[in-house]
Amino acid sequence: MFQLVDDRSQKGGELRAAVVQTLQAAMETNKQVVALEADLGGASGFTKIAKSHPNQFVQCGIAEADMMGIAAGMSSEGFVPFCHTFGPFATRRAFDQIYLSGAYAGNTVNIYGSDPGFTVAANGGTHTTYEDVALMRTIPGVVVCDAADAVQMAWIVNEFLGLGTGVHYVRGNRKNVRPVYAEGSTFELGRGNVVRPGTDVLVIAAGQLVSDALDAAEELAEKGVSVEVVDMFCIKPLDTELVCKEAVGKKAVVTFENHNVIGGLGEAVAATLCEAGVCVSFRRHGVSERFGQVGPADFLQQEYRLTAKDLVATIEGLFADHGHGHEEPVSDGR
């Protein structure tokens, strides 16, 4: 059961710290849990694990594909591996190893792909991933999550460690993000969370954009538009039942993600609604036909039109399409 924080304006915890602390706690009771790093221990905080649990840490160097192969091999010997590297290196660079040595071979590979989308900031375009969810969703049986805050990230990591066989992927910022959930909140894989009820528009968001979706809902409420916000932190398996149930009776459904509009949360929701025969105005709000670039995270969030203000414009645009006199939509991040 989850509970929302009273004040979302506070700084919030670091997601990397949540990962490290959760792994360290698990290592105390389970010596089979092993952390693997690809020469980013300072960035991820995994150097703390190397010091606290040196026999449960493997430094793989700048060789992400090898890291996934090592993780798969350790899994076959009964270990529970948890890998970290930046999102693009955790997915597109090592995709074949994850697919074959991990999923196809029936091994367990838990992966934290950090700094997705605009959160990569000054590391730039080569380190940007707007396609990791799309890639990972194609692997049979994979679990794909996008953590909204440190509380949810800690829960996801702990849950992954107990899932057993399979590939499990979580994306999330390394640093501080605004909190959504109170300490002690629990969740359920494959189930979305209605974090704000509403009657006019359904916004389905994931990751740290859940906070921005709530900001947009609050702004629109002042304009007389009631917006429901769902945190779809588990993108695969998707909570199709919740999507269809909450879409019925709404004037519009909008997905909001720090990801390409191709292959991500938006397409998963669109397919669900289409196959279920739910007829409703729909927009995917994400990134379209663009690569990453260098810049502060706040600047990049604005550059790729992934702010609360941009979401408000998309929703108002949908109402304009139906003759309600609002602005045109900004639905694809361009």
C-alpha atoms as a PDB file:
ATOM      1  CA  MET A   1       0.000   0.000   0.000  1.00  0.00           C
ATOM      2  CA  PHE A   2       1.389   3.390  -0.950  1.00  0.00           C
ATOM      3  CA  GLN A   3       0.976   6.794   0.623  1.00  0.00           C
ATOM      4  CA  LEU A   4       1.810  10.116  -1.001  1.00  0.00           C
ATOM      5  CA  VAL A   5       4.112  12.645   0.643  1.00  0.00           C
ATOM      6  CA  ASP A   6       2.527  15.787   2.025  1.00  0.00           C
ATOM      7  CA  ASP A   7       5.033  18.097   0.342  1.00  0.00           C
ATOM      8  CA  ARG A   8       6.409  17.306  -3.117  1.00  0.00           C
ATOM      9  CA  SER A   9       8.490  20.494  -3.206  1.00  0.00           C
ATOM     10  CA  GLN A  10      11.176  19.053  -0.939  1.00  0.00           C
ATOM     11  CA  LYS A  11      14.463  17.841  -2.405  1.00  0.00           C
ATOM     12  CA  GLY A  12      13.922  14.119  -2.038  1.00  0.00           C
ATOM     13  CA  GLY A  13      16.471  11.322  -1.884  1.00  0.00           C
ATOM     14  CA  GLU A  14      19.067  10.183  -4.386  1.00  0.00           C
ATOM     15  CA  LEU A  15      17.955   7.192  -6.389  1.00  0.00           C
ATOM     16  CA  ARG A  16      21.502   5.819  -6.570  1.00  0.00           C
ATOM     17  CA  ALA A  17      21.699   5.908  -2.775  1.00  0.00           C
ATOM     18  CA  ALA A  18      18.420   4.009  -2.600  1.00  0.00           C
ATOM     19  CA  VAL A  19      19.861   1.322  -4.885  1.00  0.00           C
ATOM     20  CA  VAL A  20      23.115   1.023  -2.956  1.00  0.00           C
ATOM     21  CA  GLN A  21      21.494   0.912   0.473  1.00  0.00           C
ATOM     22  CA  THR A  22      18.941  -1.663  -0.626  1.00  0.00           C
ATOM     23  CA  LEU A  23      21.646  -3.900  -2.087  1.00  0.00           C
ATOM     24  CA  GLN A  24      23.811  -3.576   1.021  1.00  0.00           C
ATOM     25  CA  ALA A  25      20.899  -4.552   3.253  1.00  0.00           C
ATOM     26  CA  ALA A  26      20.121  -7.571   1.071  1.00  0.00           C
ATOM     27  CA  MET A  27      23.772  -8.639   1.079  1.00  0.00           C
ATOM     28  CA  GLU A  28      23.743  -8.848   4.858  1.00  0.00           C
ATOM     29  CA  THR A  29      21.258 -11.720   4.774  1.00  0.00           C
ATOM     30  CA  ASN A  30      21.911 -13.203   1.333  1.00  0.00           C
ATOM     31  CA  LYS A  31      25.524 -13.837   0.358  1.00  0.00           C
ATOM     32  CA  GLN A  32      24.420 -14.777  -3.163  1.00  0.00           C
ATOM     33  CA  VAL A  33      23.493 -11.198  -4.016  1.00  0.00           C
ATOM     34  CA  VAL A  34      26.290  -9.676  -6.101  1.00  0.00           C
ATOM     35  CA  ALA A  35      26.696  -6.141  -7.462  1.00  0.00           C
ATOM     36  CA  LEU A  36      28.382  -5.676 -10.835  1.00  0.00           C
ATOM     37  CA  GLU A  37      29.671  -2.333 -12.101  1.00  0.00           C
ATOM     38  CA  ALA A  38      31.106  -1.117 -15.416  1.00  0.00           C
ATOM     39  CA  ASP A  39      33.675   1.422 -14.227  1.00  0.00           C
ATOM     40  CA  LEU A  40      31.049   3.852 -12.925  1.00  0.00           C
ATOM     41  CA  GLY A  41      31.312   3.098  -9.226  1.00  0.00           C
ATOM     42  CA  GLY A  42      31.810   6.745  -8.339  1.00  0.00           C
ATOM     43  CA  ALA A  43      28.779   7.800 -10.362  1.00  0.00           C
ATOM     44  CA  SER A  44      26.536   5.050  -9.030  1.00  0.00           C
ATOM     45  CA  GLY A  45      27.833   4.838  -5.475  1.00  0.00           C
ATOM     46  CA  PHE A  46      28.716   1.169  -5.989  1.00  0.00           C
ATOM     47  CA  THR A  47      32.203   1.908  -4.624  1.00  0.00           C
ATOM     48  CA  LYS A  48      30.470   1.861  -1.224  1.00  0.00           C
ATOM     49  CA  ILE A  49      29.436  -1.727  -1.886  1.00  0.00           C
ATOM     50  CA  ALA A  50      33.002  -2.562  -2.915  1.00  0.00           C
ATOM     51  CA  LYS A  51      34.144  -1.383   0.519  1.00  0.00           C
ATOM     52  CA  SER A  52      31.317  -2.802   2.628  1.00  0.00           C
ATOM     53  CA  HIS A  53      30.955  -6.143   0.809  1.00  0.00           C
ATOM     54  CA  PRO A  54      34.124  -6.697  -1.258  1.00  0.00           C
ATOM     55  CA  ASN A  55      33.375 -10.387  -1.792  1.00  0.00           C
ATOM     56  CA  GLN A  56      29.997  -9.514  -3.319  1.00  0.00           C
ATOM     57  CA  PHE A  57      31.206  -6.906  -5.781  1.00  0.00           C
ATOM     58  CA  VAL A  58      32.623  -7.327  -9.290  1.00  0.00           C
ATOM     59  CA  GLN A  59      34.266  -4.455 -11.162  1.00  0.00           C
ATOM     60  CA  CYS A  60      33.865  -5.331 -14.843  1.00  0.00           C
ATOM     61  CA  GLY A  61      35.487  -2.244 -16.334  1.00  0.00           C
ATOM     62  CA  ILE A  62      34.304  -0.458 -19.454  1.00  0.00           C
ATOM     63  CA  ALA A  63      32.916  -3.679 -20.916  1.00  0.00           C
ATOM     64  CA  GLU A  64      29.160  -3.631 -20.497  1.00  0.00           C
ATOM     65  CA  ALA A  65      28.458  -6.607 -22.753  1.00  0.00           C
ATOM     66  CA  ASP A  66      30.970  -8.641 -20.775  1.00  0.00           C
ATOM     67  CA  MET A  67      29.268  -7.519 -17.552  1.00  0.00           C
ATOM     68  CA  MET A  68      25.945  -8.936 -18.727  1.00  0.00           C
ATOM     69  CA  GLY A  69      27.640 -12.180 -19.707  1.00  0.00           C
ATOM     70  CA  ILE A  70      29.352 -12.394 -16.316  1.00  0.00           C
ATOM     71  CA  ALA A  71      26.027 -11.724 -14.598  1.00  0.00           C
ATOM     72  CA  ALA A  72      24.357 -14.493 -16.602  1.00  0.00           C
ATOM     73  CA  GLY A  73      27.160 -16.899 -15.755  1.00  0.00           C
ATOM     74  CA  MET A  74      26.968 -16.073 -12.064  1.00  0.00           C
ATOM     75  CA  SER A  75      23.205 -16.583 -12.201  1.00  0.00           C
ATOM     76  CA  SER A  76      23.717 -20.078 -13.618  1.00  0.00           C
ATOM     77  CA  GLU A  77      25.816 -20.823 -10.515  1.00  0.00           C
ATOM     78  CA  GLY A  78      23.121 -19.657  -8.110  1.00  0.00           C
ATOM     79  CA  PHE A  79      24.106 -16.034  -7.585  1.00  0.00           C
ATOM     80  CA  VAL A  80      21.679 -13.105  -7.770  1.00  0.00           C
ATOM     81  CA  PRO A  81      23.440 -10.459  -9.896  1.00  0.00           C
ATOM     82  CA  PHE A  82      22.530  -6.771  -9.971  1.00  0.00           C
ATOM     83  CA  CYS A  83      24.232  -4.708 -12.687  1.00  0.00           C
ATOM     84  CA  HIS A  84      24.583  -0.964 -13.134  1.00  0.00           C
ATOM     85  CA  THR A  85      25.687   1.321 -15.909  1.00  0.00           C
ATOM     86  CA  PHE A  86      24.218   4.292 -17.757  1.00  0.00           C
ATOM     87  CA  GLY A  87      20.973   3.507 -19.583  1.00  0.00           C
ATOM     88  CA  PRO A  88      22.280   3.340 -23.183  1.00  0.00           C
ATOM     89  CA  PHE A  89      25.140   1.059 -22.207  1.00  0.00           C
ATOM     90  CA  ALA A  90      22.864  -1.132 -20.105  1.00  0.00           C
ATOM     91  CA  THR A  91      20.503  -1.706 -23.010  1.00  0.00           C
ATOM     92  CA  ARG A  92      21.436  -0.952 -26.604  1.00  0.00           C
ATOM     93  CA  ARG A  93      25.175  -1.642 -26.160  1.00  0.00           C
ATOM     94  CA  ALA A  94      24.654  -4.951 -24.367  1.00  0.00           C
ATOM     95  CA  PHE A  95      21.316  -5.957 -25.868  1.00  0.00           C
ATOM     96  CA  ASP A  96      22.411  -9.232 -27.468  1.00  0.00           C
ATOM     97  CA  GLN A  97      24.042 -10.483 -24.278  1.00  0.00           C
ATOM     98  CA  ILE A  98      20.972  -9.565 -22.216  1.00  0.00           C
ATOM     99  CA  TYR A  99      18.693 -11.250 -24.721  1.00  0.00           C
ATOM    100  CA  LEU A 100      20.646 -14.465 -25.282  1.00  0.00           C
ATOM    101  CA  SER A 101      22.839 -15.056 -22.225  1.00  0.00           C
ATOM    102  CA  GLY A 102      20.196 -13.646 -19.902  1.00  0.00           C
ATOM    103  CA  ALA A 103      16.596 -14.167 -20.995  1.00  0.00           C
ATOM    104  CA  TYR A 104      16.940 -16.869 -23.663  1.00  0.00           C
ATOM    105  CA  ALA A 105      19.233 -18.982 -21.482  1.00  0.00           C
ATOM    106  CA  GLY A 106      16.875 -18.714 -18.509  1.00  0.00           C
ATOM    107  CA  ASN A 107      19.284 -16.783 -16.312  1.00  0.00           C
ATOM    108  CA  THR A 108      18.610 -13.910 -13.947  1.00  0.00           C
ATOM    109  CA  VAL A 109      20.018 -10.475 -14.768  1.00  0.00           C
ATOM    110  CA  ASN A 110      18.843  -7.498 -12.711  1.00  0.00           C
ATOM    111  CA  ILE A 111      19.779  -4.157 -14.279  1.00  0.00           C
ATOM    112  CA  TYR A 112      19.734  -0.525 -13.177  1.00  0.00           C
ATOM    113  CA  GLY A 113      20.051   1.726 -16.230  1.00  0.00           C
ATOM    114  CA  SER A 114      20.758   5.149 -14.815  1.00  0.00           C
ATOM    115  CA  ASP A 115      20.143   8.699 -16.067  1.00  0.00           C
ATOM    116  CA  PRO A 116      17.544   8.020 -18.775  1.00  0.00           C
ATOM    117  CA  GLY A 117      16.494  10.738 -21.204  1.00  0.00           C
ATOM    118  CA  PHE A 118      17.088  14.343 -20.199  1.00  0.00           C
ATOM    119  CA  THR A 119      18.473  13.343 -16.781  1.00  0.00           C
ATOM    120  CA  VAL A 120      21.803  12.480 -18.433  1.00  0.00           C
ATOM    121  CA  ALA A 121      22.548  16.228 -18.459  1.00  0.00           C
ATOM    122  CA  ALA A 122      26.162  17.174 -19.258  1.00  0.00           C
ATOM    123  CA  ASN A 123      27.174  13.623 -20.207  1.00  0.00           C
ATOM    124  CA  GLY A 124      25.578  14.413 -23.542  1.00  0.00           C
ATOM    125  CA  GLY A 125      24.075  12.751 -26.571  1.00  0.00           C
ATOM    126  CA  THR A 126      26.249   9.634 -26.609  1.00  0.00           C
ATOM    127  CA  HIS A 127      25.077   8.839 -23.089  1.00  0.00           C
ATOM    128  CA  THR A 128      21.408   9.631 -23.703  1.00  0.00           C
ATOM    129  CA  THR A 129      18.800   6.915 -23.987  1.00  0.00           C
ATOM    130  CA  TYR A 130      15.301   7.623 -25.203  1.00  0.00           C
ATOM    131  CA  GLU A 131      14.934   4.050 -26.490  1.00  0.00           C
ATOM    132  CA  ASP A 132      15.813   1.754 -23.584  1.00  0.00           C
ATOM    133  CA  VAL A 133      12.214   0.917 -22.681  1.00  0.00           C
ATOM    134  CA  ALA A 134      11.421   0.133 -26.317  1.00  0.00           C
ATOM    135  CA  LEU A 135      14.354  -2.274 -26.531  1.00  0.00           C
ATOM    136  CA  MET A 136      13.747  -4.036 -23.243  1.00  0.00           C
ATOM    137  CA  ARG A 137      10.014  -4.450 -23.850  1.00  0.00           C
ATOM    138  CA  THR A 138      10.796  -6.688 -26.838  1.00  0.00           C
ATOM    139  CA  ILE A 139      12.492  -9.345 -24.708  1.00  0.00           C
ATOM    140  CA  PRO A 140      10.118 -12.175 -23.735  1.00  0.00           C
ATOM    141  CA  GLY A 141       9.296 -12.224 -20.027  1.00  0.00           C
ATOM    142  CA  VAL A 142      11.241  -9.078 -19.153  1.00  0.00           C
ATOM    143  CA  VAL A 143      10.084  -6.751 -16.380  1.00  0.00           C
ATOM    144  CA  VAL A 144      10.555  -3.036 -17.165  1.00  0.00           C
ATOM    145  CA  CYS A 145      10.160  -0.322 -14.531  1.00  0.00           C
ATOM    146  CA  ASP A 146      10.696   3.435 -14.312  1.00  0.00           C
ATOM    147  CA  ALA A 147      11.113   4.686 -10.738  1.00  0.00           C
ATOM    148  CA  ALA A 148       9.278   7.859  -9.720  1.00  0.00           C
ATOM    149  CA  ASP A 149      11.417   8.560  -6.649  1.00  0.00           C
ATOM    150  CA  ALA A 150      13.887   7.064  -4.174  1.00  0.00           C
ATOM    151  CA  VAL A 151      11.200   5.287  -2.130  1.00  0.00           C
ATOM    152  CA  GLN A 152       9.864   3.512  -5.185  1.00  0.00           C
ATOM    153  CA  MET A 153      13.364   2.734  -6.476  1.00  0.00           C
ATOM    154  CA  ALA A 154      14.318   1.027  -3.212  1.00  0.00           C
ATOM    155  CA  TRP A 155      11.153  -1.072  -3.353  1.00  0.00           C
ATOM    156  CA  ILE A 156      11.769  -2.053  -6.992  1.00  0.00           C
ATOM    157  CA  VAL A 157      15.359  -3.128  -6.328  1.00  0.00           C
ATOM    158  CA  ASN A 158      14.324  -5.222  -3.352  1.00  0.00           C
ATOM    159  CA  GLU A 159      11.476  -6.763  -5.353  1.00  0.00           C
ATOM    160  CA  PHE A 160      13.789  -7.629  -8.248  1.00  0.00           C
ATOM    161  CA  LEU A 161      16.129  -9.491  -5.911  1.00  0.00           C
ATOM    162  CA  GLY A 162      13.309 -11.821  -4.933  1.00  0.00           C
ATOM    163  CA  LEU A 163      11.782 -12.430  -8.362  1.00  0.00           C
ATOM    164  CA  GLY A 164      14.006 -15.308  -9.379  1.00  0.00           C
ATOM    165  CA  THR A 165      14.725 -16.242 -12.985  1.00  0.00           C
ATOM    166  CA  GLY A 166      14.449 -13.538 -15.618  1.00  0.00           C
ATOM    167  CA  VAL A 167      15.654 -10.173 -16.873  1.00  0.00           C
ATOM    168  CA  HIS A 168      14.479  -7.243 -14.761  1.00  0.00           C
ATOM    169  CA  TYR A 169      15.228  -3.657 -15.786  1.00  0.00           C
ATOM    170  CA  VAL A 170      14.714  -0.430 -13.877  1.00  0.00           C
ATOM    171  CA  ARG A 171      15.573   3.025 -15.199  1.00  0.00           C
ATOM    172  CA  GLY A 172      15.952   6.117 -13.057  1.00  0.00           C
ATOM    173  CA  ASN A 173      17.941   9.239 -12.295  1.00  0.00           C
ATOM    174  CA  ARG A 174      21.063   8.780 -10.188  1.00  0.00           C
ATOM    175  CA  LYS A 175      20.563  11.957  -8.199  1.00  0.00           C
ATOM    176  CA  ASN A 176      17.874  13.663  -6.145  1.00  0.00           C
ATOM    177  CA  VAL A 177      14.346  13.809  -7.485  1.00  0.00           C
ATOM    178  CA  ARG A 178      11.252  15.293  -5.904  1.00  0.00           C
ATOM    179  CA  PRO A 179       9.474  12.772  -3.706  1.00  0.00           C
ATOM    180  CA  VAL A 180       6.095  11.320  -4.592  1.00  0.00           C
ATOM    181  CA  TYR A 181       5.731   8.544  -2.031  1.00  0.00           C
ATOM    182  CA  ALA A 182       6.075   8.477   1.734  1.00  0.00           C
ATOM    183  CA  GLU A 183       8.612   6.175   3.380  1.00  0.00           C
ATOM    184  CA  GLY A 184       7.267   2.672   3.851  1.00  0.00           C
ATOM    185  CA  SER A 185       5.127   2.723   0.710  1.00  0.00           C
ATOM    186  CA  THR A 186       4.805  -0.589  -1.118  1.00  0.00           C
ATOM    187  CA  PHE A 187       3.722  -1.373  -4.657  1.00  0.00           C
ATOM    188  CA  GLU A 188       2.887  -4.269  -6.935  1.00  0.00           C
ATOM    189  CA  LEU A 189       4.626  -5.141 -10.165  1.00  0.00           C
ATOM    190  CA  GLY A 190       2.185  -5.036 -13.040  1.00  0.00           C
ATOM    191  CA  ARG A 191      -0.129  -2.632 -11.220  1.00  0.00           C
ATOM    192  CA  GLY A 192      -0.334   1.125 -11.749  1.00  0.00           C
ATOM    193  CA  ASN A 193      -1.093   3.614  -8.990  1.00  0.00           C
ATOM    194  CA  VAL A 194      -3.831   6.231  -9.177  1.00  0.00           C
ATOM    195  CA  VAL A 195      -1.979   9.083  -7.460  1.00  0.00           C
ATOM    196  CA  ARG A 196      -4.594  11.729  -8.206  1.00  0.00           C
ATOM    197  CA  PRO A 197      -8.255  11.090  -9.060  1.00  0.00           C
ATOM    198  CA  GLY A 198      -9.948  13.043 -11.860  1.00  0.00           C
ATOM    199  CA  THR A 199     -12.901  12.962 -14.207  1.00  0.00           C
ATOM    200  CA  ASP A 200     -11.998  14.820 -17.425  1.00  0.00           C
ATOM    201  CA  VAL A 201      -8.543  13.670 -18.552  1.00  0.00           C
ATOM    202  CA  LEU A 202      -6.439  10.621 -17.736  1.00  0.00           C
ATOM    203  CA  VAL A 203      -2.662  11.176 -17.667  1.00  0.00           C
ATOM    204  CA  ILE A 204      -0.547   8.029 -17.481  1.00  0.00           C
ATOM    205  CA  ALA A 205       3.031   8.900 -16.550  1.00  0.00           C
ATOM    206  CA  ALA A 206       6.164   7.061 -15.486  1.00  0.00           C
ATOM    207  CA  GLY A 207       9.411   7.859 -13.711  1.00  0.00           C
ATOM    208  CA  GLN A 208      10.184  11.279 -12.316  1.00  0.00           C
ATOM    209  CA  LEU A 209       7.700  12.812 -14.755  1.00  0.00           C
ATOM    210  CA  VAL A 210       4.979  11.632 -12.377  1.00  0.00           C
ATOM    211  CA  SER A 211       5.805  14.719 -10.280  1.00  0.00           C
ATOM    212  CA  ASP A 212       5.469  16.961 -13.315  1.00  0.00           C
ATOM    213  CA  ALA A 213       2.186  15.298 -14.235  1.00  0.00           C
ATOM    214  CA  LEU A 214       0.872  16.115 -10.762  1.00  0.00           C
ATOM    215  CA  ASP A 215       2.016  19.724 -11.202  1.00  0.00           C
ATOM    216  CA  ALA A 216       0.131  19.915 -14.485  1.00  0.00           C
ATOM    217  CA  ALA A 217      -2.983  18.425 -12.915  1.00  0.00           C
ATOM    218  CA  GLU A 218      -2.897  21.044 -10.163  1.00  0.00           C
ATOM    219  CA  GLU A 219      -2.547  23.862 -12.698  1.00  0.00           C
ATOM    220  CA  LEU A 220      -5.390  22.557 -14.825  1.00  0.00           C
ATOM    221  CA  ALA A 221      -7.617  22.135 -11.780  1.00  0.00           C
ATOM    222  CA  GLU A 222      -7.430  25.906 -11.340  1.00  0.00           C
ATOM    223  CA  LYS A 223      -8.760  26.211 -14.886  1.00  0.00           C
ATOM    224  CA  GLY A 224     -11.649  23.857 -14.241  1.00  0.00           C
ATOM    225  CA  VAL A 225     -10.149  20.717 -15.827  1.00  0.00           C
ATOM    226  CA  SER A 226     -10.126  17.603 -13.636  1.00  0.00           C
ATOM    227  CA  VAL A 227      -7.059  15.466 -14.388  1.00  0.00           C
ATOM    228  CA  GLU A 228      -6.486  11.965 -13.088  1.00  0.00           C
ATOM    229  CA  VAL A 229      -2.831  10.928 -12.810  1.00  0.00           C
ATOM    230  CA  VAL A 230      -1.674   7.329 -12.871  1.00  0.00           C
ATOM    231  CA  ASP A 231       1.888   6.336 -12.028  1.00  0.00           C
ATOM    232  CA  MET A 232       2.576   3.444 -14.402  1.00  0.00           C
ATOM    233  CA  PHE A 233       5.947   2.645 -12.863  1.00  0.00           C
ATOM    234  CA  CYS A 234       5.783  -0.902 -14.219  1.00  0.00           C
ATOM    235  CA  ILE A 235       5.670  -0.521 -17.989  1.00  0.00           C
ATOM    236  CA  LYS A 236       5.953  -4.258 -18.610  1.00  0.00           C
ATOM    237  CA  PRO A 237       3.894  -6.111 -17.611  1.00  0.00           C
ATOM    238  CA  LEU A 238       1.461  -3.239 -18.142  1.00  0.00           C
ATOM    239  CA  ASP A 239      -1.628  -2.838 -15.984  1.00  0.00           C
ATOM    240  CA  THR A 240      -4.018  -3.142 -18.915  1.00  0.00           C
ATOM    241  CA  GLU A 241      -7.032  -3.546 -16.638  1.00  0.00           C
ATOM    242  CA  LEU A 242      -6.379  -0.210 -14.933  1.00  0.00           C
ATOM    243  CA  VAL A 243      -5.702   1.563 -18.243  1.00  0.00           C
ATOM    244  CA  CYS A 244      -9.035   0.494 -19.710  1.00  0.00           C
ATOM    245  CA  LYS A 245     -11.024   1.023 -16.525  1.00  0.00           C
ATOM    246  CA  GLU A 246      -9.752   4.556 -15.917  1.00  0.00           C
ATOM    247  CA  ALA A 247      -9.973   5.602 -19.589  1.00  0.00           C
ATOM    248  CA  VAL A 248     -13.713   4.902 -19.773  1.00  0.00           C
ATOM    249  CA  GLY A 249     -15.694   8.105 -19.388  1.00  0.00           C
ATOM    250  CA  LYS A 250     -12.689  10.403 -19.854  1.00  0.00           C
ATOM    251  CA  LYS A 251     -12.610  13.056 -22.565  1.00  0.00           C
ATOM    252  CA  ALA A 252      -8.959  12.268 -23.322  1.00  0.00           C
ATOM    253  CA  VAL A 253      -6.014  10.056 -22.385  1.00  0.00           C
ATOM    254  CA  VAL A 254      -2.427  11.349 -22.492  1.00  0.00           C
ATOM    255  CA  THR A 255       0.757   9.405 -21.811  1.00  0.00           C
ATOM    256  CA  PHE A 256       3.761  11.321 -20.470  1.00  0.00           C
ATOM    257  CA  GLU A 257       7.242   9.819 -20.594  1.00  0.00           C
ATOM    258  CA  ASN A 258      10.924  10.736 -20.636  1.00  0.00           C
ATOM    259  CA  HIS A 259      11.341   8.452 -23.646  1.00  0.00           C
ATOM    260  CA  ASN A 260      10.796   8.209 -27.357  1.00  0.00           C
ATOM    261  CA  VAL A 261       7.125   8.103 -28.374  1.00  0.00           C
ATOM    262  CA  ILE A 262       8.058   5.015 -30.406  1.00  0.00           C
ATOM    263  CA  GLY A 263       8.070   1.800 -28.405  1.00  0.00           C
ATOM    264  CA  GLY A 264       7.590   3.221 -24.935  1.00  0.00           C
ATOM    265  CA  LEU A 265       4.767   3.711 -22.461  1.00  0.00           C
ATOM    266  CA  GLY A 266       2.630   5.606 -24.979  1.00  0.00           C
ATOM    267  CA  GLU A 267       2.600   2.819 -27.532  1.00  0.00           C
ATOM    268  CA  ALA A 268       1.911   0.212 -24.851  1.00  0.00           C
ATOM    269  CA  VAL A 269      -1.101   2.180 -23.635  1.00  0.00           C
ATOM    270  CA  ALA A 270      -2.301   2.928 -27.169  1.00  0.00           C
ATOM    271  CA  ALA A 271      -2.220  -0.754 -28.096  1.00  0.00           C
ATOM    272  CA  THR A 272      -4.109  -1.632 -24.938  1.00  0.00           C
ATOM    273  CA  LEU A 273      -6.877   0.876 -25.599  1.00  0.00           C
ATOM    274  CA  CYS A 274      -7.150  -0.051 -29.268  1.00  0.00           C
ATOM    275  CA  GLU A 275      -7.329  -3.791 -28.660  1.00  0.00           C
ATOM    276  CA  ALA A 276      -9.912  -3.306 -25.902  1.00  0.00           C
ATOM    277  CA  GLY A 277     -12.050  -1.124 -28.157  1.00  0.00           C
ATOM    278  CA  VAL A 278     -11.923   1.877 -25.831  1.00  0.00           C
ATOM    279  CA  CYS A 279     -12.734   4.910 -27.966  1.00  0.00           C
ATOM    280  CA  VAL A 280     -11.166   8.072 -26.529  1.00  0.00           C
ATOM    281  CA  SER A 281      -9.028  11.000 -27.725  1.00  0.00           C
ATOM    282  CA  PHE A 282      -5.391  10.031 -27.181  1.00  0.00           C
ATOM    283  CA  ARG A 283      -1.948  11.635 -27.283  1.00  0.00           C
ATOM    284  CA  ARG A 284       1.569  10.365 -26.640  1.00  0.00           C
ATOM    285  CA  HIS A 285       3.647  13.093 -25.034  1.00  0.00           C
ATOM    286  CA  GLY A 286       7.310  12.214 -25.270  1.00  0.00           C
ATOM    287  CA  VAL A 287      10.298  12.655 -27.578  1.00  0.00           C
ATOM    288  CA  SER A 288      10.002  12.284 -31.360  1.00  0.00           C
ATOM    289  CA  GLU A 289      12.807  11.911 -33.907  1.00  0.00           C
ATOM    290  CA  ARG A 290      15.519  13.489 -31.796  1.00  0.00           C
ATOM    291  CA  PHE A 291      18.876  12.462 -30.378  1.00  0.00           C
ATOM    292  CA  GLY A 292      20.237  13.560 -27.019  1.00  0.00           C
ATOM    293  CA  GLN A 293      22.480  16.554 -26.444  1.00  0.00           C
ATOM    294  CA  VAL A 294      24.616  18.247 -23.794  1.00  0.00           C
ATOM    295  CA  GLY A 295      23.117  20.574 -21.199  1.00  0.00           C
ATOM    296  CA  PRO A 296      21.847  20.914 -17.636  1.00  0.00           C
ATOM    297  CA  ALA A 297      18.967  18.546 -16.895  1.00  0.00           C
ATOM    298  CA  ASP A 298      16.505  21.399 -16.334  1.00  0.00           C
ATOM    299  CA  PHE A 299      17.422  22.925 -19.692  1.00  0.00           C
ATOM    300  CA  LEU A 300      17.103  19.585 -21.476  1.00  0.00           C
ATOM    301  CA  GLN A 301      13.719  18.910 -19.897  1.00  0.00           C
ATOM    302  CA  GLN A 302      12.522  22.212 -21.353  1.00  0.00           C
ATOM    303  CA  GLU A 303      14.301  21.646 -24.674  1.00  0.00           C
ATOM    304  CA  TYR A 304      12.530  18.312 -25.167  1.00  0.00           C
ATOM    305  CA  ARG A 305       9.225  19.786 -23.935  1.00  0.00           C
ATOM    306  CA  LEU A 306       8.843  17.388 -21.022  1.00  0.00           C
ATOM    307  CA  THR A 307       7.795  19.901 -18.364  1.00  0.00           C
ATOM    308  CA  ALA A 308       4.466  20.312 -16.610  1.00  0.00           C
ATOM    309  CA  LYS A 309       3.860  23.403 -18.746  1.00  0.00           C
ATOM    310  CA  ASP A 310       4.271  21.355 -21.909  1.00  0.00           C
ATOM    311  CA  LEU A 311       1.883  18.693 -20.639  1.00  0.00           C
ATOM    312  CA  VAL A 312      -0.680  21.383 -19.853  1.00  0.00           C
ATOM    313  CA  ALA A 313      -0.345  22.618 -23.453  1.00  0.00           C
ATOM    314  CA  THR A 314      -0.942  19.125 -24.816  1.00  0.00           C
ATOM    315  CA  ILE A 315      -4.067  18.652 -22.722  1.00  0.00           C
ATOM    316  CA  GLU A 316      -5.396  22.108 -23.577  1.00  0.00           C
ATOM    317  CA  GLY A 317      -4.694  21.329 -27.225  1.00  0.00           C
ATOM    318  CA  LEU A 318      -6.855  18.235 -27.046  1.00  0.00           C
ATOM    319  CA  PHE A 319      -9.702  20.357 -25.731  1.00  0.00           C
ATOM    320  CA  ALA A 320      -9.081  22.862 -28.526  1.00  0.00           C
ATOM    321  CA  ASP A 321      -9.416  20.029 -31.041  1.00  0.00           C
ATOM    322  CA  HIS A 322     -12.896  19.491 -29.653  1.00  0.00           C
ATOM    323  CA  GLY A 323     -13.863  23.151 -29.865  1.00  0.00           C
ATOM    324  CA  HIS A 324     -13.163  24.259 -26.304  1.00  0.00           C
ATOM    325  CA  GLY A 325     -10.905  27.148 -27.293  1.00  0.00           C
ATOM    326  CA  HIS A 326      -7.527  26.143 -25.844  1.00  0.00           C
ATOM    327  CA  GLU A 327      -4.067  26.045 -27.434  1.00  0.00           C
ATOM    328  CA  GLU A 328      -2.807  23.539 -29.984  1.00  0.00           C
ATOM    329  CA  PRO A 329      -1.197  20.388 -28.532  1.00  0.00           C
ATOM    330  CA  VAL A 330       2.493  19.727 -28.081  1.00  0.00           C
ATOM    331  CA  SER A 331       2.241  15.978 -28.094  1.00  0.00           C
ATOM    332  CA  ASP A 332       5.510  14.638 -29.449  1.00  0.00           C
ATOM    333  CA  GLY A 333       8.260  16.637 -27.778  1.00  0.00           C
ATOM    334  CA  ARG A 334       9.217  18.643 -30.874  1.00  0.00           C
END
